[in-house]
Amino acid sequence: MDGRNITDRAGLYCAIGEALRGPSGYFGSTLGALRDCLRGEFGLTPPFTLNWQSVNTARTHLGDSYVEEIVSTTRFAGVSVDLD
């Protein structure tokens, strides 16, 4: 997932959706919706790996704790997350 332009939550969820489902892909717009989507009800079932490039952009704009919530949520669902 290209994280260079993740400067707000809407951009984060858009990037996740596109990384996991392609252009205009939807994967939730809240942490709860992301959890639901990761349960495999929308065509993509863990386990898989999400490579998050430029994670520091999101850390700067969203804060370390929110980024860690996203990472924790995805890992709990069985998704490996590689942070670059």
PDB file of N, CA and C in Angstrom:
ATOM      1  N   MET A   1       0.859  -1.165   0.000  1.00  0.00           N
ATOM      2  CA  MET A   1       0.000   0.000   0.000  1.00  0.00           C
ATOM      3  C   MET A   1       0.906   1.229   0.000  1.00  0.00           C
ATOM      4  N   ASP A   2       0.647   2.120  -0.908  1.00  0.00           N
ATOM      5  CA  ASP A   2       1.408   3.357  -1.007  1.00  0.00           C
ATOM      6  C   ASP A   2       0.885   4.342   0.027  1.00  0.00           C
ATOM      7  N   GLY A   3       1.701   4.655   1.023  1.00  0.00           N
ATOM      8  CA  GLY A   3       1.266   5.530   2.094  1.00  0.00           C
ATOM      9  C   GLY A   3       1.732   6.966   1.977  1.00  0.00           C
ATOM     10  N   ARG A   4       2.310   7.329   0.852  1.00  0.00           N
ATOM     11  CA  ARG A   4       2.861   8.683   0.709  1.00  0.00           C
ATOM     12  C   ARG A   4       1.819   9.784   0.837  1.00  0.00           C
ATOM     13  N   ASN A   5       0.562   9.493   0.509  1.00  0.00           N
ATOM     14  CA  ASN A   5      -0.477  10.526   0.539  1.00  0.00           C
ATOM     15  C   ASN A   5      -1.509  10.320   1.637  1.00  0.00           C
ATOM     16  N   ILE A   6      -1.197   9.489   2.615  1.00  0.00           N
ATOM     17  CA  ILE A   6      -2.147   9.251   3.702  1.00  0.00           C
ATOM     18  C   ILE A   6      -1.965  10.340   4.752  1.00  0.00           C
ATOM     19  N   THR A   7      -2.832  11.349   4.662  1.00  0.00           N
ATOM     20  CA  THR A   7      -2.746  12.489   5.582  1.00  0.00           C
ATOM     21  C   THR A   7      -4.002  12.661   6.421  1.00  0.00           C
ATOM     22  N   ASP A   8      -5.009  11.829   6.172  1.00  0.00           N
ATOM     23  CA  ASP A   8      -6.231  11.856   6.988  1.00  0.00           C
ATOM     24  C   ASP A   8      -6.869  10.470   6.956  1.00  0.00           C
ATOM     25  N   ARG A   9      -7.880  10.272   7.785  1.00  0.00           N
ATOM     26  CA  ARG A   9      -8.498   8.954   7.887  1.00  0.00           C
ATOM     27  C   ARG A   9      -9.178   8.522   6.592  1.00  0.00           C
ATOM     28  N   ALA A  10      -9.812   9.454   5.910  1.00  0.00           N
ATOM     29  CA  ALA A  10     -10.463   9.108   4.636  1.00  0.00           C
ATOM     30  C   ALA A  10      -9.427   8.601   3.636  1.00  0.00           C
ATOM     31  N   GLY A  11      -8.275   9.263   3.577  1.00  0.00           N
ATOM     32  CA  GLY A  11      -7.203   8.833   2.689  1.00  0.00           C
ATOM     33  C   GLY A  11      -6.639   7.475   3.076  1.00  0.00           C
ATOM     34  N   LEU A  12      -6.585   7.213   4.379  1.00  0.00           N
ATOM     35  CA  LEU A  12      -6.104   5.921   4.863  1.00  0.00           C
ATOM     36  C   LEU A  12      -7.014   4.795   4.400  1.00  0.00           C
ATOM     37  N   TYR A  13      -8.309   4.954   4.631  1.00  0.00           N
ATOM     38  CA  TYR A  13      -9.240   3.888   4.255  1.00  0.00           C
ATOM     39  C   TYR A  13      -9.350   3.731   2.737  1.00  0.00           C
ATOM     40  N   CYS A  14      -9.210   4.812   2.018  1.00  0.00           N
ATOM     41  CA  CYS A  14      -9.184   4.738   0.554  1.00  0.00           C
ATOM     42  C   CYS A  14      -7.961   3.945   0.092  1.00  0.00           C
ATOM     43  N   ALA A  15      -6.800   4.236   0.683  1.00  0.00           N
ATOM     44  CA  ALA A  15      -5.569   3.523   0.314  1.00  0.00           C
ATOM     45  C   ALA A  15      -5.669   2.038   0.650  1.00  0.00           C
ATOM     46  N   ILE A  16      -6.236   1.708   1.808  1.00  0.00           N
ATOM     47  CA  ILE A  16      -6.411   0.304   2.171  1.00  0.00           C
ATOM     48  C   ILE A  16      -7.329  -0.385   1.155  1.00  0.00           C
ATOM     49  N   GLY A  17      -8.439   0.262   0.838  1.00  0.00           N
ATOM     50  CA  GLY A  17      -9.377  -0.313  -0.123  1.00  0.00           C
ATOM     51  C   GLY A  17      -8.747  -0.561  -1.474  1.00  0.00           C
ATOM     52  N   GLU A  18      -7.989   0.402  -1.957  1.00  0.00           N
ATOM     53  CA  GLU A  18      -7.352   0.245  -3.262  1.00  0.00           C
ATOM     54  C   GLU A  18      -6.236  -0.786  -3.231  1.00  0.00           C
ATOM     55  N   ALA A  19      -5.521  -0.869  -2.111  1.00  0.00           N
ATOM     56  CA  ALA A  19      -4.448  -1.855  -2.002  1.00  0.00           C
ATOM     57  C   ALA A  19      -5.007  -3.279  -1.979  1.00  0.00           C
ATOM     58  N   LEU A  20      -6.161  -3.438  -1.369  1.00  0.00           N
ATOM     59  CA  LEU A  20      -6.706  -4.780  -1.190  1.00  0.00           C
ATOM     60  C   LEU A  20      -7.738  -5.182  -2.231  1.00  0.00           C
ATOM     61  N   ARG A  21      -8.355  -4.203  -2.898  1.00  0.00           N
ATOM     62  CA  ARG A  21      -9.419  -4.541  -3.847  1.00  0.00           C
ATOM     63  C   ARG A  21      -9.271  -3.854  -5.194  1.00  0.00           C
ATOM     64  N   GLY A  22      -8.194  -3.093  -5.390  1.00  0.00           N
ATOM     65  CA  GLY A  22      -7.985  -2.421  -6.663  1.00  0.00           C
ATOM     66  C   GLY A  22      -8.580  -1.024  -6.666  1.00  0.00           C
ATOM     67  N   PRO A  23      -8.465  -0.321  -7.790  1.00  0.00           N
ATOM     68  CA  PRO A  23      -8.976   1.051  -7.890  1.00  0.00           C
ATOM     69  C   PRO A  23     -10.444   1.131  -7.469  1.00  0.00           C
ATOM     70  N   SER A  24     -10.741   2.134  -6.689  1.00  0.00           N
ATOM     71  CA  SER A  24     -12.095   2.375  -6.152  1.00  0.00           C
ATOM     72  C   SER A  24     -12.561   1.258  -5.231  1.00  0.00           C
ATOM     73  N   GLY A  25     -11.632   0.435  -4.762  1.00  0.00           N
ATOM     74  CA  GLY A  25     -11.986  -0.658  -3.858  1.00  0.00           C
ATOM     75  C   GLY A  25     -12.404  -0.133  -2.499  1.00  0.00           C
ATOM     76  N   TYR A  26     -13.419  -0.737  -1.952  1.00  0.00           N
ATOM     77  CA  TYR A  26     -13.928  -0.324  -0.649  1.00  0.00           C
ATOM     78  C   TYR A  26     -13.523  -1.345   0.392  1.00  0.00           C
ATOM     79  N   PHE A  27     -12.977  -0.880   1.478  1.00  0.00           N
ATOM     80  CA  PHE A  27     -12.639  -1.758   2.591  1.00  0.00           C
ATOM     81  C   PHE A  27     -12.947  -1.062   3.894  1.00  0.00           C
ATOM     82  N   GLY A  28     -14.067  -0.385   3.925  1.00  0.00           N
ATOM     83  CA  GLY A  28     -14.502   0.296   5.133  1.00  0.00           C
ATOM     84  C   GLY A  28     -14.037   1.733   5.202  1.00  0.00           C
ATOM     85  N   SER A  29     -14.695   2.507   6.047  1.00  0.00           N
ATOM     86  CA  SER A  29     -14.285   3.897   6.250  1.00  0.00           C
ATOM     87  C   SER A  29     -14.172   4.228   7.733  1.00  0.00           C
ATOM     88  N   THR A  30     -14.238   3.188   8.555  1.00  0.00           N
ATOM     89  CA  THR A  30     -14.013   3.312   9.990  1.00  0.00           C
ATOM     90  C   THR A  30     -13.277   2.052  10.443  1.00  0.00           C
ATOM     91  N   LEU A  31     -12.770   2.093  11.651  1.00  0.00           N
ATOM     92  CA  LEU A  31     -12.076   0.930  12.184  1.00  0.00           C
ATOM     93  C   LEU A  31     -13.013  -0.277  12.286  1.00  0.00           C
ATOM     94  N   GLY A  32     -14.248  -0.049  12.689  1.00  0.00           N
ATOM     95  CA  GLY A  32     -15.230  -1.135  12.770  1.00  0.00           C
ATOM     96  C   GLY A  32     -15.547  -1.731  11.410  1.00  0.00           C
ATOM     97  N   ALA A  33     -15.685  -0.888  10.407  1.00  0.00           N
ATOM     98  CA  ALA A  33     -15.959  -1.379   9.051  1.00  0.00           C
ATOM     99  C   ALA A  33     -14.766  -2.161   8.513  1.00  0.00           C
ATOM    100  N   LEU A  34     -13.566  -1.696   8.825  1.00  0.00           N
ATOM    101  CA  LEU A  34     -12.372  -2.428   8.405  1.00  0.00           C
ATOM    102  C   LEU A  34     -12.371  -3.824   9.022  1.00  0.00           C
ATOM    103  N   ARG A  35     -12.698  -3.915  10.307  1.00  0.00           N
ATOM    104  CA  ARG A  35     -12.783  -5.227  10.967  1.00  0.00           C
ATOM    105  C   ARG A  35     -13.772  -6.133  10.234  1.00  0.00           C
ATOM    106  N   ASP A  36     -14.942  -5.594   9.905  1.00  0.00           N
ATOM    107  CA  ASP A  36     -15.954  -6.376   9.196  1.00  0.00           C
ATOM    108  C   ASP A  36     -15.439  -6.853   7.840  1.00  0.00           C
ATOM    109  N   CYS A  37     -14.813  -5.960   7.105  1.00  0.00           N
ATOM    110  CA  CYS A  37     -14.302  -6.316   5.783  1.00  0.00           C
ATOM    111  C   CYS A  37     -13.222  -7.388   5.872  1.00  0.00           C
ATOM    112  N   LEU A  38     -12.413  -7.340   6.917  1.00  0.00           N
ATOM    113  CA  LEU A  38     -11.328  -8.303   7.061  1.00  0.00           C
ATOM    114  C   LEU A  38     -11.814  -9.678   7.491  1.00  0.00           C
ATOM    115  N   ARG A  39     -13.062  -9.795   7.825  1.00  0.00           N
ATOM    116  CA  ARG A  39     -13.619 -11.101   8.179  1.00  0.00           C
ATOM    117  C   ARG A  39     -13.852 -11.965   6.944  1.00  0.00           C
ATOM    118  N   GLY A  40     -13.582 -11.404   5.766  1.00  0.00           N
ATOM    119  CA  GLY A  40     -13.682 -12.178   4.545  1.00  0.00           C
ATOM    120  C   GLY A  40     -15.037 -12.131   3.889  1.00  0.00           C
ATOM    121  N   GLU A  41     -15.909 -11.269   4.338  1.00  0.00           N
ATOM    122  CA  GLU A  41     -17.253 -11.199   3.785  1.00  0.00           C
ATOM    123  C   GLU A  41     -17.309 -10.422   2.471  1.00  0.00           C
ATOM    124  N   PHE A  42     -16.194  -9.865   2.040  1.00  0.00           N
ATOM    125  CA  PHE A  42     -16.192  -9.016   0.858  1.00  0.00           C
ATOM    126  C   PHE A  42     -15.206  -9.493  -0.200  1.00  0.00           C
ATOM    127  N   GLY A  43     -14.952 -10.809  -0.241  1.00  0.00           N
ATOM    128  CA  GLY A  43     -14.158 -11.365  -1.320  1.00  0.00           C
ATOM    129  C   GLY A  43     -12.685 -11.570  -1.033  1.00  0.00           C
ATOM    130  N   LEU A  44     -12.140 -10.936  -0.023  1.00  0.00           N
ATOM    131  CA  LEU A  44     -10.723 -11.092   0.294  1.00  0.00           C
ATOM    132  C   LEU A  44     -10.619 -11.696   1.684  1.00  0.00           C
ATOM    133  N   THR A  45     -10.029 -12.872   1.768  1.00  0.00           N
ATOM    134  CA  THR A  45      -9.981 -13.580   3.038  1.00  0.00           C
ATOM    135  C   THR A  45      -8.535 -13.748   3.497  1.00  0.00           C
ATOM    136  N   PRO A  46      -8.226 -13.318   4.726  1.00  0.00           N
ATOM    137  CA  PRO A  46      -6.893 -13.579   5.270  1.00  0.00           C
ATOM    138  C   PRO A  46      -6.650 -15.082   5.353  1.00  0.00           C
ATOM    139  N   PRO A  47      -5.441 -15.539   5.309  1.00  0.00           N
ATOM    140  CA  PRO A  47      -4.215 -14.765   5.509  1.00  0.00           C
ATOM    141  C   PRO A  47      -3.656 -14.188   4.200  1.00  0.00           C
ATOM    142  N   PHE A  48      -3.097 -13.012   4.301  1.00  0.00           N
ATOM    143  CA  PHE A  48      -2.342 -12.372   3.235  1.00  0.00           C
ATOM    144  C   PHE A  48      -1.452 -11.333   3.887  1.00  0.00           C
ATOM    145  N   THR A  49      -0.599 -10.715   3.119  1.00  0.00           N
ATOM    146  CA  THR A  49       0.324  -9.713   3.647  1.00  0.00           C
ATOM    147  C   THR A  49       0.019  -8.353   3.034  1.00  0.00           C
ATOM    148  N   LEU A  50      -0.049  -7.350   3.883  1.00  0.00           N
ATOM    149  CA  LEU A  50      -0.197  -5.958   3.452  1.00  0.00           C
ATOM    150  C   LEU A  50       1.155  -5.285   3.634  1.00  0.00           C
ATOM    151  N   ASN A  51       1.746  -4.834   2.536  1.00  0.00           N
ATOM    152  CA  ASN A  51       3.006  -4.079   2.592  1.00  0.00           C
ATOM    153  C   ASN A  51       2.671  -2.594   2.590  1.00  0.00           C
ATOM    154  N   TRP A  52       2.876  -1.954   3.722  1.00  0.00           N
ATOM    155  CA  TRP A  52       2.526  -0.535   3.883  1.00  0.00           C
ATOM    156  C   TRP A  52       3.796   0.291   3.733  1.00  0.00           C
ATOM    157  N   GLN A  53       3.934   0.928   2.580  1.00  0.00           N
ATOM    158  CA  GLN A  53       5.095   1.762   2.303  1.00  0.00           C
ATOM    159  C   GLN A  53       4.846   3.177   2.799  1.00  0.00           C
ATOM    160  N   SER A  54       5.895   3.841   3.206  1.00  0.00           N
ATOM    161  CA  SER A  54       5.838   5.232   3.678  1.00  0.00           C
ATOM    162  C   SER A  54       4.872   5.396   4.850  1.00  0.00           C
ATOM    163  N   VAL A  55       4.904   4.465   5.782  1.00  0.00           N
ATOM    164  CA  VAL A  55       4.003   4.505   6.937  1.00  0.00           C
ATOM    165  C   VAL A  55       4.214   5.757   7.780  1.00  0.00           C
ATOM    166  N   ASN A  56       5.391   6.343   7.730  1.00  0.00           N
ATOM    167  CA  ASN A  56       5.657   7.522   8.563  1.00  0.00           C
ATOM    168  C   ASN A  56       4.802   8.726   8.192  1.00  0.00           C
ATOM    169  N   THR A  57       4.343   8.794   6.954  1.00  0.00           N
ATOM    170  CA  THR A  57       3.431   9.877   6.576  1.00  0.00           C
ATOM    171  C   THR A  57       2.152   9.778   7.390  1.00  0.00           C
ATOM    172  N   ALA A  58       1.589   8.590   7.494  1.00  0.00           N
ATOM    173  CA  ALA A  58       0.373   8.391   8.296  1.00  0.00           C
ATOM    174  C   ALA A  58       0.659   8.633   9.771  1.00  0.00           C
ATOM    175  N   ARG A  59       1.799   8.183  10.258  1.00  0.00           N
ATOM    176  CA  ARG A  59       2.148   8.409  11.664  1.00  0.00           C
ATOM    177  C   ARG A  59       2.194   9.903  11.979  1.00  0.00           C
ATOM    178  N   THR A  60       2.746  10.683  11.058  1.00  0.00           N
ATOM    179  CA  THR A  60       2.849  12.131  11.254  1.00  0.00           C
ATOM    180  C   THR A  60       1.478  12.790  11.292  1.00  0.00           C
ATOM    181  N   HIS A  61       0.586  12.387  10.391  1.00  0.00           N
ATOM    182  CA  HIS A  61      -0.709  13.059  10.252  1.00  0.00           C
ATOM    183  C   HIS A  61      -1.816  12.462  11.108  1.00  0.00           C
ATOM    184  N   LEU A  62      -1.761  11.164  11.363  1.00  0.00           N
ATOM    185  CA  LEU A  62      -2.830  10.503  12.121  1.00  0.00           C
ATOM    186  C   LEU A  62      -2.413  10.142  13.540  1.00  0.00           C
ATOM    187  N   GLY A  63      -1.133  10.126  13.776  1.00  0.00           N
ATOM    188  CA  GLY A  63      -0.614   9.767  15.084  1.00  0.00           C
ATOM    189  C   GLY A  63      -0.229   8.305  15.164  1.00  0.00           C
ATOM    190  N   ASP A  64       0.770   8.047  15.983  1.00  0.00           N
ATOM    191  CA  ASP A  64       1.264   6.677  16.153  1.00  0.00           C
ATOM    192  C   ASP A  64       0.176   5.744  16.663  1.00  0.00           C
ATOM    193  N   SER A  65      -0.642   6.226  17.600  1.00  0.00           N
ATOM    194  CA  SER A  65      -1.627   5.328  18.214  1.00  0.00           C
ATOM    195  C   SER A  65      -2.685   4.879  17.207  1.00  0.00           C
ATOM    196  N   TYR A  66      -3.120   5.758  16.301  1.00  0.00           N
ATOM    197  CA  TYR A  66      -4.133   5.342  15.318  1.00  0.00           C
ATOM    198  C   TYR A  66      -3.535   4.367  14.313  1.00  0.00           C
ATOM    199  N   VAL A  67      -2.315   4.620  13.891  1.00  0.00           N
ATOM    200  CA  VAL A  67      -1.652   3.695  12.973  1.00  0.00           C
ATOM    201  C   VAL A  67      -1.504   2.334  13.643  1.00  0.00           C
ATOM    202  N   GLU A  68      -1.131   2.323  14.908  1.00  0.00           N
ATOM    203  CA  GLU A  68      -0.993   1.053  15.616  1.00  0.00           C
ATOM    204  C   GLU A  68      -2.332   0.342  15.764  1.00  0.00           C
ATOM    205  N   GLU A  69      -3.431   1.090  15.909  1.00  0.00           N
ATOM    206  CA  GLU A  69      -4.761   0.474  15.943  1.00  0.00           C
ATOM    207  C   GLU A  69      -5.074  -0.225  14.622  1.00  0.00           C
ATOM    208  N   ILE A  70      -4.740   0.424  13.523  1.00  0.00           N
ATOM    209  CA  ILE A  70      -4.963  -0.175  12.199  1.00  0.00           C
ATOM    210  C   ILE A  70      -4.127  -1.439  12.057  1.00  0.00           C
ATOM    211  N   VAL A  71      -2.855  -1.348  12.415  1.00  0.00           N
ATOM    212  CA  VAL A  71      -1.963  -2.499  12.303  1.00  0.00           C
ATOM    213  C   VAL A  71      -2.446  -3.633  13.204  1.00  0.00           C
ATOM    214  N   SER A  72      -2.820  -3.311  14.421  1.00  0.00           N
ATOM    215  CA  SER A  72      -3.311  -4.317  15.360  1.00  0.00           C
ATOM    216  C   SER A  72      -4.580  -4.985  14.854  1.00  0.00           C
ATOM    217  N   THR A  73      -5.494  -4.198  14.323  1.00  0.00           N
ATOM    218  CA  THR A  73      -6.753  -4.722  13.793  1.00  0.00           C
ATOM    219  C   THR A  73      -6.496  -5.673  12.633  1.00  0.00           C
ATOM    220  N   THR A  74      -5.623  -5.280  11.733  1.00  0.00           N
ATOM    221  CA  THR A  74      -5.354  -6.135  10.579  1.00  0.00           C
ATOM    222  C   THR A  74      -4.628  -7.410  10.996  1.00  0.00           C
ATOM    223  N   ARG A  75      -3.694  -7.291  11.912  1.00  0.00           N
ATOM    224  CA  ARG A  75      -2.968  -8.485  12.370  1.00  0.00           C
ATOM    225  C   ARG A  75      -3.901  -9.435  13.119  1.00  0.00           C
ATOM    226  N   PHE A  76      -4.795  -8.897  13.927  1.00  0.00           N
ATOM    227  CA  PHE A  76      -5.751  -9.726  14.662  1.00  0.00           C
ATOM    228  C   PHE A  76      -6.633 -10.525  13.698  1.00  0.00           C
ATOM    229  N   ALA A  77      -6.902  -9.947  12.533  1.00  0.00           N
ATOM    230  CA  ALA A  77      -7.732 -10.616  11.531  1.00  0.00           C
ATOM    231  C   ALA A  77      -6.954 -11.652  10.719  1.00  0.00           C
ATOM    232  N   GLY A  78      -5.653 -11.788  10.971  1.00  0.00           N
ATOM    233  CA  GLY A  78      -4.865 -12.776  10.254  1.00  0.00           C
ATOM    234  C   GLY A  78      -4.071 -12.232   9.099  1.00  0.00           C
ATOM    235  N   VAL A  79      -3.978 -10.904   9.021  1.00  0.00           N
ATOM    236  CA  VAL A  79      -3.229 -10.245   7.956  1.00  0.00           C
ATOM    237  C   VAL A  79      -1.838  -9.891   8.488  1.00  0.00           C
ATOM    238  N   SER A  80      -0.813 -10.309   7.765  1.00  0.00           N
ATOM    239  CA  SER A  80       0.541  -9.883   8.111  1.00  0.00           C
ATOM    240  C   SER A  80       0.718  -8.462   7.584  1.00  0.00           C
ATOM    241  N   VAL A  81       1.371  -7.614   8.363  1.00  0.00           N
ATOM    242  CA  VAL A  81       1.596  -6.231   7.945  1.00  0.00           C
ATOM    243  C   VAL A  81       3.096  -5.953   7.978  1.00  0.00           C
ATOM    244  N   ASP A  82       3.631  -5.574   6.833  1.00  0.00           N
ATOM    245  CA  ASP A  82       5.026  -5.153   6.731  1.00  0.00           C
ATOM    246  C   ASP A  82       5.038  -3.637   6.620  1.00  0.00           C
ATOM    247  N   LEU A  83       5.742  -2.987   7.527  1.00  0.00           N
ATOM    248  CA  LEU A  83       5.807  -1.526   7.534  1.00  0.00           C
ATOM    249  C   LEU A  83       7.150  -1.068   6.995  1.00  0.00           C
ATOM    250  N   ASP A  84       7.082  -0.180   6.002  1.00  0.00           N
ATOM    251  CA  ASP A  84       8.309   0.401   5.421  1.00  0.00           C
ATOM    252  C   ASP A  84       8.322   1.885   5.678  1.00  0.00           C
TER     253      ASP A  84
END
